[in-house]
Amino acid sequence: MMIVHPNQKMVFNDKLHIIGVEGTDAIVNKIVAQLRVNFTTISKEIVPYMHFANGEAKVELSESVRWKFTYLICDRYGKYSSQDIKYNDRLMQELLLVQCAKNHWAKWISMWWMSESNRKWEWFLPIYNQAESFQSIFGPMYSTNTLETSSIDLLNPETKLVQNVIKEFEAKNRMLPNQKEKIHLIGTQDTMWLVASMQAYLVNALWSDVVSSETSLYKESSLGITEIDLKNSFAGKHVYVVGDVNGKKNVDHFTISYNDRLVQLFLLLKYARDYAAKTVNVIPTCFPYSRQDKPTQWGLKERVVREPSSAQFMIDILQDTFGVDYCLTMDIHNPAVINNSIETNFVNLYTWWMIQHVSDILKKEGKNDLIIAPMDEWWLKKVSSIAKDLQFNYLTVIKTRDYSKINSVDEIFVHGDVQGKNILIHDDILDTWGSLIKLVQKLHELGARSVNIAITHGMFNNDALDKLQLLYEQWLFEHIYVSNTVYRDIDLYPDFIKVVDASINFADPIKSIYSWESINYNYWVTPATTQ
């Protein structure tokens, strides 16, 4: 988008983020003040030097750098720093800053160094994907934008930097026409209601003439081959395909399997790419094959089986085969599998919002002393993080298994004070619910006052609902809260299951991407809706 000021200066809509090390506050403030004249969105932060007890440097960014042009203002020789920092300590801080910006999807990175000279001070601007030493460490940058290394007089560094930034943007002609680009949502038989809620939110947050949607029902040829029938044009639109491969709704005359839904999702992405969509994005509400997130899930002896890392394979298909621009999903089973996804922006949304919602409901019932319990030791880190943010206590849960049997739990051990407490169990994905049943029984053996359950992806496969109904009738738990990331007709749920709408949590990142804003991973609306 391009705006022209009365003085005819160009104002760029690209986002800039200026990062300075401690001591460069004054210079950074001057740079930002001058750049505000030419850029509609500019942010800044000062990063202090931090280290662990063993001397390892530590870096934290408080502001998002997602899809921003990022400039690092570095005081290599500590001329401005109030701390006594050695040269190599500062060097490692700079390297970590670059890596941090890269890992968090900065659009383009340049580093400004102050050099040591008795005759005059100089600034050097090496773009790290052109500098051999940086390229060997970090590899190529996302953008192909280049700017030759140059030295700039430090007598007025902020003006020189501003001039070079403006010159760079003008040379690359990065202005966009002043128009409203279109967003088109495609839902499936399992996500049509989710898409309707997402569209309503986006229409209210953006403009009514920007957002459109349609539903693609599952079809098959006489040979059983999946077919796609779409009505709207994709040309020049930002297309978001919203699919639930775990969904429970069938279409007339078809019983749709997991892999049928997955192939349907693939074909929708292919059609969007083939028919000139400006960007192709996917929202798998529960990431496909996410449970198979490592070569094998059993012990060392069984690793000779050499099972595939299916979750990573799904990411490679979305990224390499279909060229997805953004993938928005929620509570992927093992977030580590997305670390190698450089070309595609994978956004793994969290469920802090869901715990907040459920806890608000329980507080209205007088349960103010909630304690959060993970399903097992693998989910403990997530639960402890949520508990810290929401100022709750939490339990430690450890499961013992017979690893020669799949989906089996022998014994559950709970560490923490349970007697007379209100417990909220949280997990990302539960399938047959065998582990949950044993945990609920264990908590009551230890004297829990009440037990409620909050699950992101409630699949309820096999006879899970029947087993849970028996527990409910024994008063072993009060309610199970699940999001609608996995579809099931609300009329088929028993009374003890409450469904929390996740549509806004998927829609808000779309708004942020469209508006060039930082994505909120834990979007929270008060009050949230529960069915």
Protein backbone atom coordinates (compact mmCIF):
# COMPACT_ATOMS: atom_id res chain seq x y z
CA MET A 1 0.00 0.00 0.00
CA MET A 2 1.35 3.43 -0.88
CA ILE A 3 0.50 6.77 0.71
CA VAL A 4 1.77 10.16 -0.48
CA HIS A 5 2.28 12.92 2.08
CA PRO A 6 1.54 16.54 1.25
CA ASN A 7 5.28 17.06 0.82
CA GLN A 8 5.21 14.28 -1.82
CA LYS A 9 7.51 11.99 0.16
CA MET A 10 6.88 8.30 -0.21
CA VAL A 11 5.66 6.44 2.86
CA PHE A 12 6.32 2.69 2.86
CA ASN A 13 3.97 0.14 4.34
CA ASP A 14 6.74 -2.44 4.95
CA LYS A 15 7.47 -2.96 8.62
CA LEU A 16 10.82 -2.03 10.11
CA HIS A 17 12.22 -3.20 13.40
CA ILE A 18 15.33 -1.60 14.90
CA ILE A 19 17.25 -3.64 17.50
CA GLY A 20 20.00 -1.96 19.48
CA VAL A 21 22.31 -3.38 22.10
CA GLU A 22 22.49 -1.67 25.50
CA GLY A 23 24.01 1.79 25.36
CA THR A 24 22.76 2.59 21.84
CA ASP A 25 19.41 3.93 23.09
CA ALA A 26 20.08 7.52 21.99
CA ILE A 27 21.18 6.55 18.48
CA VAL A 28 18.29 4.12 18.06
CA ASN A 29 15.78 6.77 19.18
CA LYS A 30 17.13 9.25 16.62
CA ILE A 31 17.04 6.64 13.86
CA VAL A 32 13.45 5.72 14.68
CA ALA A 33 12.36 9.36 14.88
CA GLN A 34 13.63 10.06 11.37
CA LEU A 35 12.38 6.81 9.85
CA ARG A 36 8.85 7.44 11.13
CA VAL A 37 8.53 10.10 8.43
CA ASN A 38 8.88 7.47 5.71
CA PHE A 39 7.48 4.27 7.21
CA THR A 40 3.96 3.67 8.49
CA THR A 41 5.05 0.94 10.90
CA ILE A 42 8.32 0.95 12.79
CA SER A 43 9.22 -0.63 16.11
CA LYS A 44 12.33 -0.74 18.25
CA GLU A 45 13.86 -2.42 21.27
CA ILE A 46 17.11 -2.39 23.23
CA VAL A 47 18.59 -5.80 24.03
CA PRO A 48 20.84 -5.94 27.10
CA TYR A 49 23.77 -8.33 27.33
CA MET A 50 22.75 -11.36 29.42
CA HIS A 51 24.54 -14.58 30.25
CA PHE A 52 24.18 -17.75 32.26
CA ALA A 53 26.38 -18.65 35.21
CA ASN A 54 28.74 -20.62 32.98
CA GLY A 55 29.27 -17.61 30.68
CA GLU A 56 26.96 -18.57 27.81
CA ALA A 57 25.40 -15.49 26.21
CA LYS A 58 21.59 -15.31 26.29
CA VAL A 59 19.36 -13.35 23.89
CA GLU A 60 15.68 -12.47 24.22
CA LEU A 61 13.56 -10.33 21.87
CA SER A 62 10.46 -8.74 23.38
CA GLU A 63 9.00 -7.60 20.03
CA SER A 64 7.93 -9.73 17.08
CA VAL A 65 10.19 -9.59 14.00
CA ARG A 66 7.85 -11.70 11.86
CA TRP A 67 8.04 -10.53 8.22
CA LYS A 68 9.81 -7.31 9.20
CA PHE A 69 12.93 -5.68 7.78
CA THR A 70 15.23 -5.93 10.79
CA TYR A 71 18.26 -3.72 11.50
CA LEU A 72 20.71 -4.66 14.26
CA ILE A 73 22.63 -1.71 15.73
CA CYS A 74 25.69 -3.29 17.37
CA ASP A 75 28.35 -1.67 19.55
CA ARG A 76 31.14 -4.15 18.79
CA TYR A 77 33.79 -2.51 20.97
CA GLY A 78 31.49 -1.46 23.80
CA LYS A 79 31.94 2.28 23.29
CA TYR A 80 28.42 3.03 24.53
CA SER A 81 27.85 0.12 26.90
CA SER A 82 27.83 0.70 30.64
CA GLN A 83 28.83 -2.94 31.12
CA ASP A 84 32.37 -4.25 30.80
CA ILE A 85 31.77 -6.69 27.94
CA LYS A 86 34.60 -8.49 26.20
CA TYR A 87 34.87 -8.43 22.42
CA ASN A 88 34.02 -12.13 22.01
CA ASP A 89 31.07 -11.88 24.38
CA ARG A 90 29.65 -9.11 22.24
CA LEU A 91 30.37 -11.09 19.07
CA MET A 92 28.39 -14.08 20.33
CA GLN A 93 25.54 -11.80 21.36
CA GLU A 94 25.41 -10.44 17.80
CA LEU A 95 25.48 -13.91 16.26
CA LEU A 96 22.66 -15.04 18.54
CA LEU A 97 20.63 -11.93 17.69
CA VAL A 98 20.89 -12.73 13.99
CA GLN A 99 19.91 -16.35 14.60
CA CYS A 100 16.99 -15.27 16.80
CA ALA A 101 15.69 -12.89 14.12
CA LYS A 102 16.09 -15.56 11.46
CA ASN A 103 14.30 -18.24 13.50
CA HIS A 104 11.37 -15.89 14.07
CA TRP A 105 10.92 -15.14 10.37
CA ALA A 106 12.40 -11.70 9.92
CA LYS A 107 11.88 -10.71 6.28
CA TRP A 108 15.37 -9.32 5.82
CA ILE A 109 18.28 -8.72 8.21
CA SER A 110 21.15 -6.26 8.15
CA MET A 111 23.69 -5.62 10.88
CA TRP A 112 25.37 -2.28 11.52
CA TRP A 113 28.74 -2.54 13.24
CA MET A 114 30.78 0.21 14.81
CA SER A 115 34.49 -0.30 13.98
CA GLU A 116 37.55 0.69 16.03
CA SER A 117 39.63 3.56 14.58
CA ASN A 118 41.78 6.28 16.19
CA ARG A 119 41.35 8.60 13.18
CA LYS A 120 37.59 8.43 12.85
CA TRP A 121 34.67 6.18 13.71
CA GLU A 122 32.99 4.31 10.93
CA TRP A 123 29.89 2.24 10.49
CA PHE A 124 29.98 -0.89 8.39
CA LEU A 125 26.89 -2.46 6.90
CA PRO A 126 27.60 -6.10 6.00
CA ILE A 127 24.57 -8.07 4.81
CA TYR A 128 25.28 -11.45 6.31
CA ASN A 129 24.22 -13.49 3.30
CA GLN A 130 26.93 -11.66 1.35
CA ALA A 131 29.58 -11.90 4.05
CA GLU A 132 31.37 -15.23 3.75
CA SER A 133 31.72 -15.76 7.49
CA PHE A 134 28.03 -15.09 8.17
CA GLN A 135 26.85 -17.16 5.23
CA SER A 136 28.83 -20.16 6.43
CA ILE A 137 27.06 -19.92 9.81
CA PHE A 138 23.51 -18.97 8.89
CA GLY A 139 23.10 -19.92 5.22
CA PRO A 140 21.19 -17.79 2.71
CA MET A 141 18.68 -15.20 3.83
CA TYR A 142 15.00 -15.45 2.92
CA SER A 143 15.11 -12.37 0.70
CA THR A 144 17.35 -11.76 -2.30
CA ASN A 145 17.59 -8.05 -1.50
CA THR A 146 21.20 -6.86 -1.46
CA LEU A 147 23.09 -3.78 -0.37
CA GLU A 148 26.81 -3.44 -0.90
CA THR A 149 29.09 -3.12 2.10
CA SER A 150 29.88 0.51 2.79
CA SER A 151 31.42 2.70 5.49
CA ILE A 152 29.48 5.67 6.81
CA ASP A 153 30.72 8.61 8.83
CA LEU A 154 29.48 8.34 12.43
CA LEU A 155 29.23 12.15 12.83
CA ASN A 156 25.57 11.85 11.87
CA PRO A 157 24.91 8.10 11.78
CA GLU A 158 21.16 8.22 12.10
CA THR A 159 20.77 10.47 9.04
CA LYS A 160 23.10 8.29 6.97
CA LEU A 161 21.28 5.16 8.01
CA VAL A 162 17.91 6.71 7.21
CA GLN A 163 19.12 7.79 3.77
CA ASN A 164 20.41 4.31 2.99
CA VAL A 165 17.21 2.63 4.16
CA ILE A 166 15.03 4.93 2.03
CA LYS A 167 17.36 4.53 -0.94
CA GLU A 168 17.23 0.76 -0.60
CA PHE A 169 13.44 0.64 -0.54
CA GLU A 170 13.08 3.04 -3.47
CA ALA A 171 15.59 1.01 -5.50
CA LYS A 172 13.70 -2.20 -4.87
CA ASN A 173 10.36 -0.51 -5.70
CA ARG A 174 8.62 -2.11 -2.75
CA MET A 175 5.49 0.08 -2.85
CA LEU A 176 2.20 -1.76 -3.37
CA PRO A 177 -0.88 -0.30 -5.10
CA ASN A 178 -3.53 1.18 -2.84
CA GLN A 179 -6.19 -1.52 -3.08
CA LYS A 180 -8.04 -4.00 -0.93
CA GLU A 181 -6.76 -7.48 -1.67
CA LYS A 182 -9.19 -10.37 -1.36
CA ILE A 183 -9.25 -13.20 1.18
CA HIS A 184 -11.06 -16.41 0.22
CA LEU A 185 -11.79 -19.17 2.74
CA ILE A 186 -12.46 -22.73 1.57
CA GLY A 187 -14.10 -25.08 4.05
CA THR A 188 -14.86 -28.78 3.86
CA GLN A 189 -17.85 -30.78 5.07
CA ASP A 190 -16.22 -30.85 8.51
CA THR A 191 -15.25 -27.19 8.78
CA MET A 192 -18.11 -25.29 7.10
CA TRP A 193 -19.38 -23.97 10.45
CA LEU A 194 -15.90 -23.08 11.63
CA VAL A 195 -15.31 -21.17 8.36
CA ALA A 196 -18.61 -19.30 8.74
CA SER A 197 -17.53 -18.03 12.17
CA MET A 198 -14.06 -17.13 10.86
CA GLN A 199 -15.60 -15.16 7.99
CA ALA A 200 -17.92 -13.26 10.35
CA TYR A 201 -14.94 -12.25 12.50
CA LEU A 202 -12.80 -11.19 9.51
CA VAL A 203 -15.64 -9.19 7.94
CA ASN A 204 -16.03 -7.30 11.21
CA ALA A 205 -12.25 -6.84 11.67
CA LEU A 206 -11.48 -5.87 8.04
CA TRP A 207 -14.04 -5.02 5.32
CA SER A 208 -17.17 -6.78 4.14
CA ASP A 209 -16.03 -6.74 0.49
CA VAL A 210 -12.65 -8.35 1.27
CA VAL A 211 -13.61 -11.76 2.68
CA SER A 212 -15.47 -14.51 0.82
CA SER A 213 -15.91 -18.23 1.44
CA GLU A 214 -17.24 -21.46 0.00
CA THR A 215 -17.61 -25.11 1.02
CA SER A 216 -16.17 -28.02 -0.94
CA LEU A 217 -18.05 -31.24 -0.14
CA TYR A 218 -16.25 -34.52 -0.59
CA LYS A 219 -16.89 -36.31 -3.92
CA GLU A 220 -15.64 -39.49 -5.54
CA SER A 221 -15.63 -40.85 -9.07
CA SER A 222 -17.03 -44.27 -9.91
CA LEU A 223 -13.50 -45.63 -9.37
CA GLY A 224 -13.30 -44.21 -5.85
CA ILE A 225 -10.95 -41.34 -6.82
CA THR A 226 -11.42 -38.09 -4.88
CA GLU A 227 -12.83 -35.20 -6.93
CA ILE A 228 -13.05 -31.46 -6.27
CA ASP A 229 -15.77 -29.05 -7.37
CA LEU A 230 -15.19 -25.34 -6.63
CA LYS A 231 -17.37 -22.44 -7.71
CA ASN A 232 -15.37 -19.24 -7.10
CA SER A 233 -12.38 -17.68 -8.84
CA PHE A 234 -9.07 -17.69 -6.97
CA ALA A 235 -7.20 -15.26 -9.20
CA GLY A 236 -5.28 -12.67 -7.18
CA LYS A 237 -6.80 -13.81 -3.86
CA HIS A 238 -5.22 -14.94 -0.62
CA VAL A 239 -6.72 -18.44 -0.32
CA TYR A 240 -7.00 -20.26 3.02
CA VAL A 241 -8.01 -23.92 2.91
CA VAL A 242 -9.51 -24.99 6.25
CA GLY A 243 -9.56 -28.77 6.66
CA ASP A 244 -10.16 -31.26 9.47
CA VAL A 245 -8.75 -34.66 8.49
CA ASN A 246 -10.03 -36.11 11.80
CA GLY A 247 -13.61 -34.96 11.18
CA LYS A 248 -16.60 -37.17 11.85
CA LYS A 249 -19.17 -35.86 9.37
CA ASN A 250 -19.89 -37.89 6.26
CA VAL A 251 -21.48 -36.79 3.00
CA ASP A 252 -24.49 -38.54 1.50
CA HIS A 253 -23.56 -41.94 0.06
CA PHE A 254 -19.95 -41.67 1.31
CA THR A 255 -18.15 -42.85 4.40
CA ILE A 256 -15.07 -40.62 4.47
CA SER A 257 -11.85 -41.94 5.95
CA TYR A 258 -8.92 -40.03 7.43
CA ASN A 259 -6.90 -40.32 4.22
CA ASP A 260 -9.90 -39.34 2.08
CA ARG A 261 -10.03 -36.06 3.97
CA LEU A 262 -6.27 -35.61 3.63
CA VAL A 263 -6.33 -36.10 -0.16
CA GLN A 264 -9.26 -33.68 -0.33
CA LEU A 265 -7.11 -31.11 1.49
CA PHE A 266 -4.21 -31.70 -0.93
CA LEU A 267 -6.43 -31.27 -4.01
CA LEU A 268 -7.91 -28.03 -2.69
CA LEU A 269 -4.39 -26.64 -2.25
CA LYS A 270 -3.42 -27.79 -5.75
CA TYR A 271 -6.48 -26.17 -7.33
CA ALA A 272 -5.82 -22.89 -5.51
CA ARG A 273 -2.21 -22.90 -6.76
CA ASP A 274 -3.13 -23.92 -10.33
CA TYR A 275 -5.83 -21.27 -10.67
CA ALA A 276 -3.68 -18.23 -9.89
CA ALA A 277 -4.26 -17.61 -6.18
CA LYS A 278 -1.92 -14.85 -4.97
CA THR A 279 -1.02 -16.86 -1.88
CA VAL A 280 -2.05 -20.39 -0.91
CA ASN A 281 -2.41 -21.07 2.79
CA VAL A 282 -3.63 -24.05 4.77
CA ILE A 283 -5.31 -24.38 8.16
CA PRO A 284 -5.28 -28.03 9.23
CA THR A 285 -7.26 -27.59 12.44
CA CYS A 286 -5.51 -30.68 13.83
CA PHE A 287 -2.25 -31.31 11.99
CA PRO A 288 -2.34 -34.53 9.89
CA TYR A 289 -0.23 -37.48 11.00
CA SER A 290 0.93 -35.35 13.92
CA ARG A 291 1.13 -38.29 16.32
CA GLN A 292 3.90 -39.90 14.27
CA ASP A 293 6.42 -37.19 14.99
CA LYS A 294 9.63 -39.20 15.36
CA PRO A 295 11.29 -42.17 13.63
CA THR A 296 9.82 -44.53 16.21
CA GLN A 297 7.92 -44.04 19.45
CA TRP A 298 9.27 -47.09 21.23
CA GLY A 299 12.54 -48.10 22.89
CA LEU A 300 16.06 -48.49 21.54
CA LYS A 301 15.56 -52.14 20.65
CA GLU A 302 12.60 -51.42 18.41
CA ARG A 303 14.28 -48.54 16.56
CA VAL A 304 15.70 -50.98 14.03
CA VAL A 305 12.15 -50.96 12.62
CA ARG A 306 12.96 -47.51 11.16
CA GLU A 307 9.50 -46.00 11.06
CA PRO A 308 9.10 -42.73 9.14
CA SER A 309 8.67 -39.32 10.76
CA SER A 310 5.26 -38.89 9.19
CA ALA A 311 4.53 -35.45 10.65
CA GLN A 312 7.70 -34.05 9.08
CA PHE A 313 6.74 -35.75 5.81
CA MET A 314 3.39 -33.90 5.86
CA ILE A 315 5.24 -30.63 6.38
CA ASP A 316 7.53 -31.39 3.43
CA ILE A 317 4.51 -32.12 1.21
CA LEU A 318 2.78 -28.87 2.16
CA GLN A 319 5.98 -26.89 1.74
CA ASP A 320 7.65 -28.44 -1.28
CA THR A 321 4.82 -29.99 -3.29
CA PHE A 322 2.09 -27.40 -2.82
CA GLY A 323 4.22 -24.36 -2.00
CA VAL A 324 2.06 -23.31 0.93
CA ASP A 325 2.78 -19.74 2.06
CA TYR A 326 1.39 -20.06 5.59
CA CYS A 327 0.31 -23.07 7.62
CA LEU A 328 -1.78 -22.23 10.69
CA THR A 329 -2.43 -25.11 13.04
CA MET A 330 -3.04 -25.59 16.74
CA ASP A 331 -1.13 -27.60 19.34
CA ILE A 332 0.90 -29.75 16.96
CA HIS A 333 1.83 -32.91 18.87
CA ASN A 334 5.59 -32.28 18.70
CA PRO A 335 6.44 -28.67 17.70
CA ALA A 336 10.06 -29.70 17.12
CA VAL A 337 9.12 -31.22 13.77
CA ILE A 338 8.45 -27.78 12.28
CA ASN A 339 11.94 -26.44 13.01
CA ASN A 340 13.28 -27.37 9.57
CA SER A 341 10.48 -25.58 7.74
CA ILE A 342 12.24 -22.48 6.44
CA GLU A 343 10.38 -21.58 3.27
CA THR A 344 6.88 -21.91 4.72
CA ASN A 345 5.71 -19.91 7.71
CA PHE A 346 4.34 -22.51 10.12
CA VAL A 347 2.32 -21.01 12.94
CA ASN A 348 1.59 -23.35 15.83
CA LEU A 349 -1.15 -21.69 17.89
CA TYR A 350 -1.28 -22.46 21.61
CA THR A 351 -4.22 -23.21 23.89
CA TRP A 352 -3.49 -20.79 26.71
CA TRP A 353 -6.78 -19.18 25.68
CA MET A 354 -8.71 -22.40 26.25
CA ILE A 355 -7.35 -22.91 29.76
CA GLN A 356 -8.17 -19.28 30.53
CA HIS A 357 -11.70 -19.79 29.27
CA VAL A 358 -12.30 -23.00 31.23
CA SER A 359 -10.76 -21.58 34.39
CA ASP A 360 -13.07 -18.53 34.16
CA ILE A 361 -16.08 -20.86 33.99
CA LEU A 362 -14.87 -22.90 36.95
CA LYS A 363 -14.12 -19.77 38.99
CA LYS A 364 -17.76 -18.72 38.59
CA GLU A 365 -18.62 -22.05 40.22
CA GLY A 366 -16.41 -21.21 43.18
CA LYS A 367 -13.34 -23.21 42.12
CA ASN A 368 -10.73 -20.49 42.67
CA ASP A 369 -7.90 -22.81 43.72
CA LEU A 370 -7.45 -24.71 40.47
CA ILE A 371 -4.45 -26.99 39.98
CA ILE A 372 -3.50 -27.98 36.42
CA ALA A 373 -2.43 -31.56 35.72
CA PRO A 374 -0.76 -32.76 32.49
CA MET A 375 -1.63 -36.14 31.03
CA ASP A 376 1.97 -37.30 31.26
CA GLU A 377 5.56 -36.12 31.68
CA TRP A 378 5.80 -35.15 28.00
CA TRP A 379 3.09 -32.49 28.40
CA LEU A 380 4.47 -31.23 31.71
CA LYS A 381 6.55 -28.43 30.18
CA LYS A 382 3.52 -26.98 28.38
CA VAL A 383 1.34 -27.20 31.48
CA SER A 384 4.01 -25.64 33.71
CA SER A 385 4.31 -22.73 31.27
CA ILE A 386 0.54 -22.16 31.26
CA ALA A 387 0.42 -22.44 35.06
CA LYS A 388 3.17 -19.84 35.37
CA ASP A 389 1.36 -17.38 33.07
CA LEU A 390 -2.01 -17.86 34.77
CA GLN A 391 -0.52 -18.13 38.27
CA PHE A 392 -1.82 -21.64 38.96
CA ASN A 393 -0.16 -24.55 40.72
CA TYR A 394 0.41 -27.75 38.76
CA LEU A 395 1.00 -31.46 39.28
CA THR A 396 3.58 -33.83 37.81
CA VAL A 397 2.16 -36.95 36.16
CA ILE A 398 4.32 -39.90 35.09
CA LYS A 399 3.05 -42.92 33.15
CA THR A 400 4.70 -46.33 32.99
CA ARG A 401 4.11 -48.42 29.88
CA ASP A 402 4.65 -51.88 28.46
CA TYR A 403 6.44 -50.66 25.33
CA SER A 404 5.80 -53.94 23.55
CA LYS A 405 2.13 -52.87 23.34
CA ILE A 406 0.85 -49.82 21.47
CA ASN A 407 -1.35 -47.32 23.36
CA SER A 408 -1.05 -49.10 26.68
CA VAL A 409 -0.50 -47.63 30.16
CA ASP A 410 0.40 -49.85 33.12
CA GLU A 411 0.49 -47.37 36.01
CA ILE A 412 0.21 -43.63 36.62
CA PHE A 413 2.06 -41.75 39.37
CA VAL A 414 0.97 -38.28 40.51
CA HIS A 415 3.36 -35.96 42.38
CA GLY A 416 1.87 -32.98 44.19
CA ASP A 417 -0.87 -32.08 46.66
CA VAL A 418 -4.18 -33.50 45.41
CA GLN A 419 -6.18 -33.97 48.64
CA GLY A 420 -9.25 -31.68 48.63
CA LYS A 421 -8.12 -29.82 45.46
CA ASN A 422 -9.95 -28.85 42.27
CA ILE A 423 -8.00 -30.40 39.40
CA LEU A 424 -8.06 -29.35 35.73
CA ILE A 425 -6.46 -31.95 33.43
CA HIS A 426 -5.03 -30.58 30.18
CA ASP A 427 -3.66 -32.27 27.07
CA ASP A 428 -3.37 -31.56 23.36
CA ILE A 429 -4.79 -34.70 21.80
CA LEU A 430 -6.66 -37.68 23.19
CA ASP A 431 -7.76 -40.59 21.03
CA THR A 432 -9.09 -43.67 22.80
CA TRP A 433 -8.88 -41.99 26.23
CA GLY A 434 -7.38 -44.98 28.06
CA SER A 435 -4.71 -42.84 29.78
CA LEU A 436 -7.26 -40.23 30.82
CA ILE A 437 -9.50 -42.80 32.45
CA LYS A 438 -6.64 -44.14 34.56
CA LEU A 439 -5.53 -40.61 35.54
CA VAL A 440 -9.05 -39.60 36.62
CA GLN A 441 -9.33 -42.73 38.75
CA LYS A 442 -5.89 -42.05 40.30
CA LEU A 443 -6.78 -38.46 41.22
CA HIS A 444 -9.90 -39.59 43.05
CA GLU A 445 -7.92 -42.26 44.90
CA LEU A 446 -5.69 -39.39 46.10
CA GLY A 447 -8.70 -37.40 47.33
CA ALA A 448 -9.33 -34.76 44.64
CA ARG A 449 -12.39 -32.61 45.39
CA SER A 450 -13.33 -32.20 41.70
CA VAL A 451 -11.88 -33.11 38.31
CA ASN A 452 -12.48 -31.26 35.03
CA ILE A 453 -10.76 -31.88 31.71
CA ALA A 454 -9.69 -29.49 28.92
CA ILE A 455 -8.55 -31.06 25.63
CA THR A 456 -7.57 -29.26 22.42
CA HIS A 457 -8.32 -32.06 19.96
CA GLY A 458 -11.05 -34.42 21.19
CA MET A 459 -11.19 -37.38 18.80
CA PHE A 460 -13.33 -39.83 20.83
CA ASN A 461 -12.41 -42.86 18.72
CA ASN A 462 -13.52 -46.46 19.26
CA ASP A 463 -15.66 -46.75 22.42
CA ALA A 464 -14.15 -43.72 24.19
CA LEU A 465 -17.52 -42.00 24.78
CA ASP A 466 -19.01 -45.13 26.33
CA LYS A 467 -16.06 -45.48 28.72
CA LEU A 468 -16.27 -41.82 29.70
CA GLN A 469 -20.02 -42.09 30.25
CA LEU A 470 -19.38 -44.79 32.85
CA LEU A 471 -16.86 -42.57 34.67
CA TYR A 472 -19.27 -39.64 34.58
CA GLU A 473 -22.05 -41.75 36.06
CA GLN A 474 -19.66 -42.64 38.90
CA TRP A 475 -19.13 -38.88 39.56
CA LEU A 476 -15.40 -39.18 38.84
CA PHE A 477 -15.32 -35.99 36.76
CA GLU A 478 -17.62 -33.03 36.08
CA HIS A 479 -17.08 -31.88 32.48
CA ILE A 480 -14.83 -32.36 29.48
CA TYR A 481 -14.09 -29.19 27.49
CA VAL A 482 -12.93 -29.71 23.89
CA SER A 483 -12.37 -27.25 21.05
CA ASN A 484 -14.10 -27.65 17.70
CA THR A 485 -10.82 -28.31 15.89
CA VAL A 486 -12.12 -31.89 15.43
CA TYR A 487 -15.67 -31.94 14.10
CA ARG A 488 -18.49 -33.93 15.63
CA ASP A 489 -22.15 -33.00 15.50
CA ILE A 490 -22.95 -31.26 18.78
CA ASP A 491 -26.12 -33.38 19.13
CA LEU A 492 -23.98 -36.53 19.30
CA TYR A 493 -22.05 -35.32 22.36
CA PRO A 494 -23.25 -36.38 25.82
CA ASP A 495 -24.21 -33.66 28.29
CA PHE A 496 -20.85 -33.72 30.11
CA ILE A 497 -18.93 -32.51 27.03
CA LYS A 498 -18.72 -28.77 26.35
CA VAL A 499 -17.35 -27.43 23.04
CA VAL A 500 -15.23 -24.27 22.96
CA ASP A 501 -15.20 -22.37 19.66
CA ALA A 502 -11.67 -21.97 18.22
CA SER A 503 -12.72 -20.06 15.08
CA ILE A 504 -11.50 -16.66 16.29
CA ASN A 505 -8.12 -18.15 17.18
CA PHE A 506 -7.69 -19.21 13.55
CA ALA A 507 -9.22 -16.05 12.10
CA ASP A 508 -7.17 -13.54 14.09
CA PRO A 509 -3.80 -14.69 12.62
CA ILE A 510 -5.31 -14.28 9.12
CA LYS A 511 -6.21 -10.70 10.04
CA SER A 512 -2.70 -10.13 11.39
CA ILE A 513 -1.04 -11.53 8.26
CA TYR A 514 -3.32 -9.44 6.03
CA SER A 515 -2.70 -6.29 8.08
CA TRP A 516 1.06 -6.91 8.49
CA GLU A 517 0.67 -7.17 12.24
CA SER A 518 2.33 -9.43 14.77
CA ILE A 519 0.48 -12.72 15.20
CA ASN A 520 -1.12 -13.31 18.59
CA TYR A 521 -0.59 -16.99 19.37
CA ASN A 522 -3.02 -16.92 22.28
CA TYR A 523 -5.89 -14.76 21.07
CA TRP A 524 -8.43 -14.46 23.86
CA VAL A 525 -11.90 -12.97 23.81
CA THR A 526 -13.93 -12.49 26.95
CA PRO A 527 -16.36 -14.07 27.20
CA ALA A 528 -15.63 -16.99 24.86
CA THR A 529 -18.49 -19.11 23.68
CA THR A 530 -19.15 -22.64 24.86
CA GLN A 531 -21.75 -24.92 23.31
